[in-house]
Amino acid sequence: MALILSLETSTTVCSVALHNNGKLVASAEMHKEQSHASKLAVLIDQVVKLADIPMSAIQAIAVSEGPGSYTGLRIGVSTAKGLCFALGIPLLSVSTLSLLAKQIQLKAILDNAWLCPMIDARRMEVYCQIFDSEINVLRPIEAKVIDEESFRESLSDHKIIFFGDGAAKCKSVITHSNAFFISDIVPSAKELGFLASEKFSRNEFENLVTFEPFYLKEFLIKKPADKDSAVANKIS
């Protein structure tokens, strides 16, 4: 086990946590859109000061790898890699959807239901994945446009809990009796550090040179129809 600093920037919430041997030491978070670039370094400084430790004592940096906001993931990963290079320590990454599933599992309200974390991908699209109650992967990660038929086959045989910042907009569309929704669940560095500690013990480190966030979908910039049109439209 080790002293691990964790950064979570995949959604509108920006959070930082420090874990020692898998136990939370200090944490801080900011619930404000588009604050990651200006506030991530501030949160890191707050957490290190709260823990009363020097940066040189940190043994690894963990980061949420995605999917999620293109801009948020890019900021988190670039900051994490910069700290790893500066401190000469390894990088750990955790799937954002696995992280969300773990957060629900820790709430102990599963009742053998399947878990479907959802991250908002704009309009009626979400990034999602299905796990069992032990966080075993049942379905691969996908970018899914939600309609009345979504998950119908799975819901016919299993209770499924939907959660994450993409789930709220799906509640009025997925109306099967086996569909349950939990609100106000966002990825958190508090649980990220717990999962990262497990990966540290297994030496599951990332290559600092080649590691990139898992965006799932490319960052899209549409050319304007004419010179008077908007400069760009983007999905993040």
C-alpha atoms as a PDB file:
ATOM      1  CA  MET A   1       0.000   0.000   0.000  1.00  0.00           C
ATOM      2  CA  ALA A   2       1.060   3.630  -0.390  1.00  0.00           C
ATOM      3  CA  LEU A   3       0.303   7.315  -0.008  1.00  0.00           C
ATOM      4  CA  ILE A   4      -1.750   8.127  -3.139  1.00  0.00           C
ATOM      5  CA  LEU A   5      -3.083  11.456  -4.400  1.00  0.00           C
ATOM      6  CA  SER A   6      -6.231  11.032  -6.522  1.00  0.00           C
ATOM      7  CA  LEU A   7      -7.700  13.454  -9.073  1.00  0.00           C
ATOM      8  CA  GLU A   8     -11.273  13.156 -10.411  1.00  0.00           C
ATOM      9  CA  THR A   9     -12.245  15.570 -13.210  1.00  0.00           C
ATOM     10  CA  SER A  10     -14.469  13.543 -15.551  1.00  0.00           C
ATOM     11  CA  THR A  11     -17.727  15.466 -14.906  1.00  0.00           C
ATOM     12  CA  THR A  12     -18.730  18.928 -13.694  1.00  0.00           C
ATOM     13  CA  VAL A  13     -17.469  18.110 -10.187  1.00  0.00           C
ATOM     14  CA  CYS A  14     -13.735  18.428  -9.573  1.00  0.00           C
ATOM     15  CA  SER A  15     -12.365  16.500  -6.579  1.00  0.00           C
ATOM     16  CA  VAL A  16      -9.037  15.581  -5.014  1.00  0.00           C
ATOM     17  CA  ALA A  17      -8.278  13.084  -2.237  1.00  0.00           C
ATOM     18  CA  LEU A  18      -5.309  11.642  -0.407  1.00  0.00           C
ATOM     19  CA  HIS A  19      -5.290   8.026   0.795  1.00  0.00           C
ATOM     20  CA  ASN A  20      -2.777   6.241   2.990  1.00  0.00           C
ATOM     21  CA  ASN A  21      -2.871   2.451   2.781  1.00  0.00           C
ATOM     22  CA  GLY A  22      -6.326   2.685   1.219  1.00  0.00           C
ATOM     23  CA  LYS A  23      -7.737   4.907   3.969  1.00  0.00           C
ATOM     24  CA  LEU A  24      -8.922   8.446   3.306  1.00  0.00           C
ATOM     25  CA  VAL A  25      -6.671  11.104   4.849  1.00  0.00           C
ATOM     26  CA  ALA A  26      -8.038  14.325   3.323  1.00  0.00           C
ATOM     27  CA  SER A  27     -10.242  15.462   0.453  1.00  0.00           C
ATOM     28  CA  ALA A  28     -11.634  18.563  -1.237  1.00  0.00           C
ATOM     29  CA  GLU A  29     -14.042  19.151  -4.105  1.00  0.00           C
ATOM     30  CA  MET A  30     -15.581  21.894  -6.219  1.00  0.00           C
ATOM     31  CA  HIS A  31     -19.147  21.651  -7.563  1.00  0.00           C
ATOM     32  CA  LYS A  32     -18.892  24.193 -10.354  1.00  0.00           C
ATOM     33  CA  GLU A  33     -18.891  23.745 -14.119  1.00  0.00           C
ATOM     34  CA  GLN A  34     -15.775  24.687 -16.057  1.00  0.00           C
ATOM     35  CA  SER A  35     -13.766  25.150 -12.861  1.00  0.00           C
ATOM     36  CA  HIS A  36     -11.269  22.336 -13.394  1.00  0.00           C
ATOM     37  CA  ALA A  37      -8.551  24.349 -15.105  1.00  0.00           C
ATOM     38  CA  SER A  38      -8.519  27.059 -12.450  1.00  0.00           C
ATOM     39  CA  LYS A  39      -9.360  25.044  -9.337  1.00  0.00           C
ATOM     40  CA  LEU A  40      -7.642  21.644  -9.638  1.00  0.00           C
ATOM     41  CA  ALA A  41      -4.247  22.955  -8.495  1.00  0.00           C
ATOM     42  CA  VAL A  42      -5.968  24.851  -5.661  1.00  0.00           C
ATOM     43  CA  LEU A  43      -7.722  21.678  -4.464  1.00  0.00           C
ATOM     44  CA  ILE A  44      -4.476  19.707  -4.609  1.00  0.00           C
ATOM     45  CA  ASP A  45      -2.794  22.334  -2.454  1.00  0.00           C
ATOM     46  CA  GLN A  46      -5.692  22.293   0.029  1.00  0.00           C
ATOM     47  CA  VAL A  47      -5.592  18.512   0.398  1.00  0.00           C
ATOM     48  CA  VAL A  48      -1.832  18.361   0.890  1.00  0.00           C
ATOM     49  CA  LYS A  49      -2.012  21.122   3.506  1.00  0.00           C
ATOM     50  CA  LEU A  50      -4.929  19.433   5.308  1.00  0.00           C
ATOM     51  CA  ALA A  51      -2.930  16.194   5.457  1.00  0.00           C
ATOM     52  CA  ASP A  52       0.147  18.126   6.600  1.00  0.00           C
ATOM     53  CA  ILE A  53       2.508  16.241   4.323  1.00  0.00           C
ATOM     54  CA  PRO A  54       5.046  17.401   1.729  1.00  0.00           C
ATOM     55  CA  MET A  55       4.390  16.613  -1.937  1.00  0.00           C
ATOM     56  CA  SER A  56       7.613  14.595  -1.909  1.00  0.00           C
ATOM     57  CA  ALA A  57       5.955  12.046   0.418  1.00  0.00           C
ATOM     58  CA  ILE A  58       3.323  11.081  -2.169  1.00  0.00           C
ATOM     59  CA  GLN A  59       4.091   7.696  -3.758  1.00  0.00           C
ATOM     60  CA  ALA A  60       1.656   7.643  -6.684  1.00  0.00           C
ATOM     61  CA  ILE A  61      -0.911   9.768  -8.508  1.00  0.00           C
ATOM     62  CA  ALA A  62      -4.278   8.298  -9.482  1.00  0.00           C
ATOM     63  CA  VAL A  63      -6.654   9.732 -12.050  1.00  0.00           C
ATOM     64  CA  SER A  64     -10.090   8.945 -13.440  1.00  0.00           C
ATOM     65  CA  GLU A  65      -9.449   7.727 -16.989  1.00  0.00           C
ATOM     66  CA  GLY A  66     -12.925   8.289 -18.484  1.00  0.00           C
ATOM     67  CA  PRO A  67     -15.231   8.232 -20.242  1.00  0.00           C
ATOM     68  CA  GLY A  68     -16.542  11.691 -19.467  1.00  0.00           C
ATOM     69  CA  SER A  69     -15.993  15.323 -20.341  1.00  0.00           C
ATOM     70  CA  TYR A  70     -13.253  15.704 -22.961  1.00  0.00           C
ATOM     71  CA  THR A  71     -11.954  18.900 -21.376  1.00  0.00           C
ATOM     72  CA  GLY A  72     -12.207  17.626 -17.806  1.00  0.00           C
ATOM     73  CA  LEU A  73     -10.407  14.375 -18.576  1.00  0.00           C
ATOM     74  CA  ARG A  74      -7.658  16.185 -20.485  1.00  0.00           C
ATOM     75  CA  ILE A  75      -7.042  18.557 -17.564  1.00  0.00           C
ATOM     76  CA  GLY A  76      -7.010  15.750 -14.994  1.00  0.00           C
ATOM     77  CA  VAL A  77      -4.694  13.464 -16.931  1.00  0.00           C
ATOM     78  CA  SER A  78      -2.259  16.208 -17.954  1.00  0.00           C
ATOM     79  CA  THR A  79      -2.043  17.390 -14.327  1.00  0.00           C
ATOM     80  CA  ALA A  80      -1.556  13.831 -13.049  1.00  0.00           C
ATOM     81  CA  LYS A  81       1.170  13.083 -15.598  1.00  0.00           C
ATOM     82  CA  GLY A  82       2.909  16.364 -14.820  1.00  0.00           C
ATOM     83  CA  LEU A  83       3.000  15.536 -11.109  1.00  0.00           C
ATOM     84  CA  CYS A  84       4.270  12.028 -11.811  1.00  0.00           C
ATOM     85  CA  PHE A  85       7.102  13.324 -13.999  1.00  0.00           C
ATOM     86  CA  ALA A  86       8.026  16.023 -11.479  1.00  0.00           C
ATOM     87  CA  LEU A  87       7.986  13.703  -8.468  1.00  0.00           C
ATOM     88  CA  GLY A  88       9.320  10.599 -10.215  1.00  0.00           C
ATOM     89  CA  ILE A  89       6.364   8.474  -9.115  1.00  0.00           C
ATOM     90  CA  PRO A  90       3.964   6.112 -10.976  1.00  0.00           C
ATOM     91  CA  LEU A  91       0.554   6.837 -12.465  1.00  0.00           C
ATOM     92  CA  LEU A  92      -2.602   4.842 -11.740  1.00  0.00           C
ATOM     93  CA  SER A  93      -5.909   5.088 -13.592  1.00  0.00           C
ATOM     94  CA  VAL A  94      -9.440   3.947 -12.797  1.00  0.00           C
ATOM     95  CA  SER A  95     -12.411   3.697 -15.172  1.00  0.00           C
ATOM     96  CA  THR A  96     -14.934   6.405 -14.339  1.00  0.00           C
ATOM     97  CA  LEU A  97     -17.866   4.000 -14.748  1.00  0.00           C
ATOM     98  CA  SER A  98     -16.228   1.384 -12.499  1.00  0.00           C
ATOM     99  CA  LEU A  99     -15.668   4.143  -9.970  1.00  0.00           C
ATOM    100  CA  LEU A 100     -19.343   5.080 -10.000  1.00  0.00           C
ATOM    101  CA  ALA A 101     -20.359   1.430  -9.624  1.00  0.00           C
ATOM    102  CA  LYS A 102     -18.061   1.078  -6.626  1.00  0.00           C
ATOM    103  CA  GLN A 103     -19.625   4.128  -5.007  1.00  0.00           C
ATOM    104  CA  ILE A 104     -23.074   2.531  -5.251  1.00  0.00           C
ATOM    105  CA  GLN A 105     -21.751  -0.794  -3.965  1.00  0.00           C
ATOM    106  CA  LEU A 106     -20.339   0.924  -0.887  1.00  0.00           C
ATOM    107  CA  LYS A 107     -23.811   2.289  -0.106  1.00  0.00           C
ATOM    108  CA  ALA A 108     -24.964  -1.330   0.408  1.00  0.00           C
ATOM    109  CA  ILE A 109     -28.380  -0.857  -1.249  1.00  0.00           C
ATOM    110  CA  LEU A 110     -27.988  -3.303  -4.120  1.00  0.00           C
ATOM    111  CA  ASP A 111     -30.259  -6.261  -3.344  1.00  0.00           C
ATOM    112  CA  ASN A 112     -28.489  -8.267  -6.109  1.00  0.00           C
ATOM    113  CA  ALA A 113     -29.494  -5.693  -8.702  1.00  0.00           C
ATOM    114  CA  TRP A 114     -27.392  -4.937 -11.741  1.00  0.00           C
ATOM    115  CA  LEU A 115     -25.709  -1.553 -11.806  1.00  0.00           C
ATOM    116  CA  CYS A 116     -25.717   0.874 -14.723  1.00  0.00           C
ATOM    117  CA  PRO A 117     -23.686   4.048 -14.170  1.00  0.00           C
ATOM    118  CA  MET A 118     -24.451   6.764 -16.725  1.00  0.00           C
ATOM    119  CA  ILE A 119     -22.391   9.809 -17.645  1.00  0.00           C
ATOM    120  CA  ASP A 120     -24.139  12.586 -19.524  1.00  0.00           C
ATOM    121  CA  ALA A 121     -23.038  12.849 -23.162  1.00  0.00           C
ATOM    122  CA  ARG A 122     -25.517  15.583 -24.116  1.00  0.00           C
ATOM    123  CA  ARG A 123     -29.047  15.352 -25.502  1.00  0.00           C
ATOM    124  CA  MET A 124     -30.390  11.819 -24.872  1.00  0.00           C
ATOM    125  CA  GLU A 125     -27.023  10.119 -25.136  1.00  0.00           C
ATOM    126  CA  VAL A 126     -25.062   8.666 -22.212  1.00  0.00           C
ATOM    127  CA  TYR A 127     -21.823   6.805 -21.648  1.00  0.00           C
ATOM    128  CA  CYS A 128     -22.808   3.676 -19.742  1.00  0.00           C
ATOM    129  CA  GLN A 129     -21.862   0.156 -18.704  1.00  0.00           C
ATOM    130  CA  ILE A 130     -23.588  -2.662 -16.819  1.00  0.00           C
ATOM    131  CA  PHE A 131     -22.066  -4.430 -13.802  1.00  0.00           C
ATOM    132  CA  ASP A 132     -23.371  -7.032 -11.384  1.00  0.00           C
ATOM    133  CA  SER A 133     -23.544  -6.299  -7.660  1.00  0.00           C
ATOM    134  CA  GLU A 134     -19.927  -7.449  -7.224  1.00  0.00           C
ATOM    135  CA  ILE A 135     -18.706  -4.939  -9.857  1.00  0.00           C
ATOM    136  CA  ASN A 136     -18.055  -7.657 -12.413  1.00  0.00           C
ATOM    137  CA  VAL A 137     -18.477  -6.323 -15.948  1.00  0.00           C
ATOM    138  CA  LEU A 138     -21.584  -7.680 -17.690  1.00  0.00           C
ATOM    139  CA  ARG A 139     -21.723  -5.321 -20.686  1.00  0.00           C
ATOM    140  CA  PRO A 140     -18.971  -3.298 -22.364  1.00  0.00           C
ATOM    141  CA  ILE A 141     -18.782   0.484 -22.165  1.00  0.00           C
ATOM    142  CA  GLU A 142     -20.862   2.178 -24.826  1.00  0.00           C
ATOM    143  CA  ALA A 143     -22.163   5.540 -25.956  1.00  0.00           C
ATOM    144  CA  LYS A 144     -25.916   4.915 -25.998  1.00  0.00           C
ATOM    145  CA  VAL A 145     -28.821   7.014 -27.193  1.00  0.00           C
ATOM    146  CA  ILE A 146     -31.652   6.362 -24.748  1.00  0.00           C
ATOM    147  CA  ASP A 147     -35.213   5.639 -25.874  1.00  0.00           C
ATOM    148  CA  GLU A 148     -38.185   3.576 -24.649  1.00  0.00           C
ATOM    149  CA  GLU A 149     -36.580   0.321 -25.802  1.00  0.00           C
ATOM    150  CA  SER A 150     -33.249   0.862 -24.049  1.00  0.00           C
ATOM    151  CA  PHE A 151     -32.280  -2.012 -21.700  1.00  0.00           C
ATOM    152  CA  ARG A 152     -35.719  -3.602 -22.149  1.00  0.00           C
ATOM    153  CA  GLU A 153     -34.345  -7.125 -22.628  1.00  0.00           C
ATOM    154  CA  SER A 154     -32.102  -6.919 -19.568  1.00  0.00           C
ATOM    155  CA  LEU A 155     -34.843  -5.329 -17.471  1.00  0.00           C
ATOM    156  CA  SER A 156     -37.202  -8.197 -18.239  1.00  0.00           C
ATOM    157  CA  ASP A 157     -35.028 -10.485 -16.098  1.00  0.00           C
ATOM    158  CA  HIS A 158     -33.132  -8.210 -13.720  1.00  0.00           C
ATOM    159  CA  LYS A 159     -33.516  -5.183 -11.517  1.00  0.00           C
ATOM    160  CA  ILE A 160     -31.171  -2.466 -12.732  1.00  0.00           C
ATOM    161  CA  ILE A 161     -30.095   0.584 -10.746  1.00  0.00           C
ATOM    162  CA  PHE A 162     -29.348   3.615 -12.923  1.00  0.00           C
ATOM    163  CA  PHE A 163     -27.251   6.448 -11.504  1.00  0.00           C
ATOM    164  CA  GLY A 164     -24.692   9.092 -12.402  1.00  0.00           C
ATOM    165  CA  ASP A 165     -25.195  12.539 -13.928  1.00  0.00           C
ATOM    166  CA  GLY A 166     -26.677  11.015 -17.097  1.00  0.00           C
ATOM    167  CA  ALA A 167     -29.384   9.009 -15.344  1.00  0.00           C
ATOM    168  CA  ALA A 168     -31.827  11.761 -14.377  1.00  0.00           C
ATOM    169  CA  LYS A 169     -32.802  12.581 -17.954  1.00  0.00           C
ATOM    170  CA  CYS A 170     -33.472   8.883 -18.623  1.00  0.00           C
ATOM    171  CA  LYS A 171     -35.945   8.387 -15.784  1.00  0.00           C
ATOM    172  CA  SER A 172     -38.960   9.544 -17.769  1.00  0.00           C
ATOM    173  CA  VAL A 173     -37.973   7.339 -20.729  1.00  0.00           C
ATOM    174  CA  ILE A 174     -36.925   4.072 -19.034  1.00  0.00           C
ATOM    175  CA  THR A 175     -40.141   3.255 -17.181  1.00  0.00           C
ATOM    176  CA  HIS A 176     -39.897  -0.524 -16.712  1.00  0.00           C
ATOM    177  CA  SER A 177     -40.870  -1.737 -13.240  1.00  0.00           C
ATOM    178  CA  ASN A 178     -37.391  -3.244 -12.763  1.00  0.00           C
ATOM    179  CA  ALA A 179     -35.677   0.104 -13.397  1.00  0.00           C
ATOM    180  CA  PHE A 180     -34.597   2.074 -10.327  1.00  0.00           C
ATOM    181  CA  PHE A 181     -32.883   5.458 -10.245  1.00  0.00           C
ATOM    182  CA  ILE A 182     -30.591   6.986  -7.639  1.00  0.00           C
ATOM    183  CA  SER A 183     -29.857  10.695  -7.878  1.00  0.00           C
ATOM    184  CA  ASP A 184     -26.894  12.851  -6.878  1.00  0.00           C
ATOM    185  CA  ILE A 185     -24.194  10.273  -7.528  1.00  0.00           C
ATOM    186  CA  VAL A 186     -21.093  11.794  -9.123  1.00  0.00           C
ATOM    187  CA  PRO A 187     -17.574  10.365  -9.480  1.00  0.00           C
ATOM    188  CA  SER A 188     -15.503  11.146  -6.391  1.00  0.00           C
ATOM    189  CA  ALA A 189     -11.778  11.116  -5.684  1.00  0.00           C
ATOM    190  CA  LYS A 190     -12.611   9.642  -2.270  1.00  0.00           C
ATOM    191  CA  GLU A 191     -13.528   6.268  -3.769  1.00  0.00           C
ATOM    192  CA  LEU A 192     -11.073   6.677  -6.644  1.00  0.00           C
ATOM    193  CA  GLY A 193      -8.204   6.554  -4.170  1.00  0.00           C
ATOM    194  CA  PHE A 194      -9.576   3.376  -2.616  1.00  0.00           C
ATOM    195  CA  LEU A 195      -9.651   1.589  -5.973  1.00  0.00           C
ATOM    196  CA  ALA A 196      -6.265   3.039  -6.924  1.00  0.00           C
ATOM    197  CA  SER A 197      -4.753   1.629  -3.727  1.00  0.00           C
ATOM    198  CA  GLU A 198      -5.849  -1.844  -4.814  1.00  0.00           C
ATOM    199  CA  LYS A 199      -4.229  -1.334  -8.231  1.00  0.00           C
ATOM    200  CA  PHE A 200      -1.044  -0.046  -6.576  1.00  0.00           C
ATOM    201  CA  SER A 201      -0.760  -3.265  -4.574  1.00  0.00           C
ATOM    202  CA  ARG A 202      -0.928  -5.197  -7.869  1.00  0.00           C
ATOM    203  CA  ASN A 203       1.626  -2.899  -9.578  1.00  0.00           C
ATOM    204  CA  GLU A 204      -0.921  -1.956 -12.245  1.00  0.00           C
ATOM    205  CA  PHE A 205       0.748   1.261 -13.340  1.00  0.00           C
ATOM    206  CA  GLU A 206       0.257   3.238 -16.551  1.00  0.00           C
ATOM    207  CA  ASN A 207       2.937   4.161 -19.074  1.00  0.00           C
ATOM    208  CA  LEU A 208       3.532   7.866 -18.460  1.00  0.00           C
ATOM    209  CA  VAL A 209       4.523   8.512 -22.053  1.00  0.00           C
ATOM    210  CA  THR A 210       1.702   6.757 -23.868  1.00  0.00           C
ATOM    211  CA  PHE A 211      -1.248   6.941 -21.437  1.00  0.00           C
ATOM    212  CA  GLU A 212      -4.245   8.938 -22.695  1.00  0.00           C
ATOM    213  CA  PRO A 213      -7.761   9.412 -21.295  1.00  0.00           C
ATOM    214  CA  PHE A 214     -10.481   7.085 -22.534  1.00  0.00           C
ATOM    215  CA  TYR A 215     -12.750   9.549 -24.308  1.00  0.00           C
ATOM    216  CA  LEU A 216     -14.943   6.847 -25.946  1.00  0.00           C
ATOM    217  CA  LYS A 217     -15.995   9.400 -28.562  1.00  0.00           C
ATOM    218  CA  GLU A 218     -13.761  11.790 -30.442  1.00  0.00           C
ATOM    219  CA  PHE A 219     -13.866  15.493 -29.669  1.00  0.00           C
ATOM    220  CA  LEU A 220     -15.909  16.885 -32.553  1.00  0.00           C
ATOM    221  CA  ILE A 221     -15.599  20.298 -34.118  1.00  0.00           C
ATOM    222  CA  LYS A 222     -18.051  21.064 -36.902  1.00  0.00           C
ATOM    223  CA  LYS A 223     -17.109  23.522 -39.623  1.00  0.00           C
ATOM    224  CA  PRO A 224     -19.556  26.440 -39.915  1.00  0.00           C
ATOM    225  CA  ALA A 225     -21.867  26.464 -42.901  1.00  0.00           C
ATOM    226  CA  ASP A 226     -20.629  29.953 -43.834  1.00  0.00           C
ATOM    227  CA  LYS A 227     -18.381  32.670 -42.472  1.00  0.00           C
ATOM    228  CA  ASP A 228     -21.227  34.215 -40.490  1.00  0.00           C
ATOM    229  CA  SER A 229     -21.994  30.946 -38.667  1.00  0.00           C
ATOM    230  CA  ALA A 230     -20.802  30.051 -35.198  1.00  0.00           C
ATOM    231  CA  VAL A 231     -17.135  29.152 -34.988  1.00  0.00           C
ATOM    232  CA  ALA A 232     -17.600  25.608 -33.685  1.00  0.00           C
ATOM    233  CA  ASN A 233     -19.854  23.146 -31.935  1.00  0.00           C
ATOM    234  CA  LYS A 234     -18.321  20.646 -29.616  1.00  0.00           C
ATOM    235  CA  ILE A 235     -19.207  17.596 -27.580  1.00  0.00           C
ATOM    236  CA  SER A 236     -17.324  17.343 -24.305  1.00  0.00           C
END
